Amino acid sequence: MISYKPFWETLKNSKESTYTLIQKHHVSGATIDKLRKNKPLTTTTIDNLCRILQCSVDEIMEYLPSHLD
């Protein structure tokens, strides 16, 4: 499973907010919703977030192995 938990920490430590991502950088509200719900994002969107936040991919997302019982 992909988790966007690192994104929220990176965002908190940046000068940006969800408001500025939407208003200034034209990130859609749907993208913010996908980040909140750990839904799939395109690599283009990940690239844009890295550019805006000046960070690496691992500061946006992480892989968490699924445990099959």
C-alpha atoms as a PDB file:
ATOM      1  CA  MET A   1       0.000   0.000   0.000  1.00  0.00           C
ATOM      2  CA  ILE A   2       1.166   3.524  -0.746  1.00  0.00           C
ATOM      3  CA  SER A   3       0.820   5.974   2.114  1.00  0.00           C
ATOM      4  CA  TYR A   4       1.006   9.737   1.752  1.00  0.00           C
ATOM      5  CA  LYS A   5       1.690  10.259   5.452  1.00  0.00           C
ATOM      6  CA  PRO A   6       5.143  11.729   4.649  1.00  0.00           C
ATOM      7  CA  PHE A   7       3.447  14.341   2.442  1.00  0.00           C
ATOM      8  CA  TRP A   8       1.489  15.751   5.376  1.00  0.00           C
ATOM      9  CA  GLU A   9       4.642  16.051   7.495  1.00  0.00           C
ATOM     10  CA  THR A  10       6.527  17.659   4.606  1.00  0.00           C
ATOM     11  CA  LEU A  11       3.660  20.068   4.000  1.00  0.00           C
ATOM     12  CA  LYS A  12       3.499  20.965   7.697  1.00  0.00           C
ATOM     13  CA  ASN A  13       7.231  21.780   7.672  1.00  0.00           C
ATOM     14  CA  SER A  14       7.014  23.878   4.494  1.00  0.00           C
ATOM     15  CA  LYS A  15       5.787  27.396   3.833  1.00  0.00           C
ATOM     16  CA  GLU A  16       2.873  25.941   1.851  1.00  0.00           C
ATOM     17  CA  SER A  17      -0.589  24.807   2.935  1.00  0.00           C
ATOM     18  CA  THR A  18      -3.416  22.973   1.232  1.00  0.00           C
ATOM     19  CA  TYR A  19      -4.866  26.428   0.526  1.00  0.00           C
ATOM     20  CA  THR A  20      -1.721  27.650  -1.267  1.00  0.00           C
ATOM     21  CA  LEU A  21      -1.366  24.359  -3.121  1.00  0.00           C
ATOM     22  CA  ILE A  22      -4.862  24.862  -4.540  1.00  0.00           C
ATOM     23  CA  GLN A  23      -4.889  28.650  -5.002  1.00  0.00           C
ATOM     24  CA  LYS A  24      -1.277  29.452  -5.915  1.00  0.00           C
ATOM     25  CA  HIS A  25      -0.047  26.211  -7.464  1.00  0.00           C
ATOM     26  CA  HIS A  26      -3.333  25.021  -9.016  1.00  0.00           C
ATOM     27  CA  VAL A  27      -3.307  21.588  -7.373  1.00  0.00           C
ATOM     28  CA  SER A  28      -6.873  20.326  -7.578  1.00  0.00           C
ATOM     29  CA  GLY A  29      -9.037  19.755  -4.546  1.00  0.00           C
ATOM     30  CA  ALA A  30      -9.515  16.209  -5.848  1.00  0.00           C
ATOM     31  CA  THR A  31      -5.750  15.646  -5.581  1.00  0.00           C
ATOM     32  CA  ILE A  32      -5.744  16.849  -1.967  1.00  0.00           C
ATOM     33  CA  ASP A  33      -8.646  14.469  -1.295  1.00  0.00           C
ATOM     34  CA  LYS A  34      -6.698  11.575  -2.877  1.00  0.00           C
ATOM     35  CA  LEU A  35      -3.727  12.395  -0.654  1.00  0.00           C
ATOM     36  CA  ARG A  36      -5.982  12.347   2.412  1.00  0.00           C
ATOM     37  CA  LYS A  37      -7.448   8.973   1.440  1.00  0.00           C
ATOM     38  CA  ASN A  38      -4.212   7.332   0.158  1.00  0.00           C
ATOM     39  CA  LYS A  39      -5.720   6.964  -3.314  1.00  0.00           C
ATOM     40  CA  PRO A  40      -3.538   6.531  -6.424  1.00  0.00           C
ATOM     41  CA  LEU A  41      -1.858   9.598  -7.935  1.00  0.00           C
ATOM     42  CA  THR A  42      -0.034   9.899 -11.240  1.00  0.00           C
ATOM     43  CA  THR A  43       3.727  10.248 -11.337  1.00  0.00           C
ATOM     44  CA  THR A  44       3.171  13.664 -12.936  1.00  0.00           C
ATOM     45  CA  THR A  45       1.273  14.774  -9.830  1.00  0.00           C
ATOM     46  CA  ILE A  46       3.998  13.373  -7.548  1.00  0.00           C
ATOM     47  CA  ASP A  47       6.588  15.213  -9.658  1.00  0.00           C
ATOM     48  CA  ASN A  48       4.636  18.480  -9.329  1.00  0.00           C
ATOM     49  CA  LEU A  49       4.337  18.102  -5.560  1.00  0.00           C
ATOM     50  CA  CYS A  50       8.082  17.435  -5.284  1.00  0.00           C
ATOM     51  CA  ARG A  51       8.799  20.547  -7.367  1.00  0.00           C
ATOM     52  CA  ILE A  52       6.417  22.745  -5.352  1.00  0.00           C
ATOM     53  CA  LEU A  53       7.626  21.488  -1.970  1.00  0.00           C
ATOM     54  CA  GLN A  54      11.260  21.165  -3.107  1.00  0.00           C
ATOM     55  CA  CYS A  55      11.534  17.657  -1.760  1.00  0.00           C
ATOM     56  CA  SER A  56      12.175  14.089  -2.853  1.00  0.00           C
ATOM     57  CA  VAL A  57       9.618  11.379  -3.574  1.00  0.00           C
ATOM     58  CA  ASP A  58      10.186   9.702  -0.208  1.00  0.00           C
ATOM     59  CA  GLU A  59       9.074  12.940   1.457  1.00  0.00           C
ATOM     60  CA  ILE A  60       5.726  12.604  -0.358  1.00  0.00           C
ATOM     61  CA  MET A  61       4.945   8.904  -0.151  1.00  0.00           C
ATOM     62  CA  GLU A  62       6.058   5.594   1.295  1.00  0.00           C
ATOM     63  CA  TYR A  63       5.392   1.958   0.546  1.00  0.00           C
ATOM     64  CA  LEU A  64       3.855  -0.098   3.333  1.00  0.00           C
ATOM     65  CA  PRO A  65       3.725  -3.837   2.635  1.00  0.00           C
ATOM     66  CA  SER A  66       0.285  -5.392   2.768  1.00  0.00           C
ATOM     67  CA  HIS A  67       0.042  -8.293   5.169  1.00  0.00           C
ATOM     68  CA  LEU A  68      -1.924 -11.207   3.794  1.00  0.00           C
ATOM     69  CA  ASP A  69      -3.181 -13.389   6.616  1.00  0.00           C
END
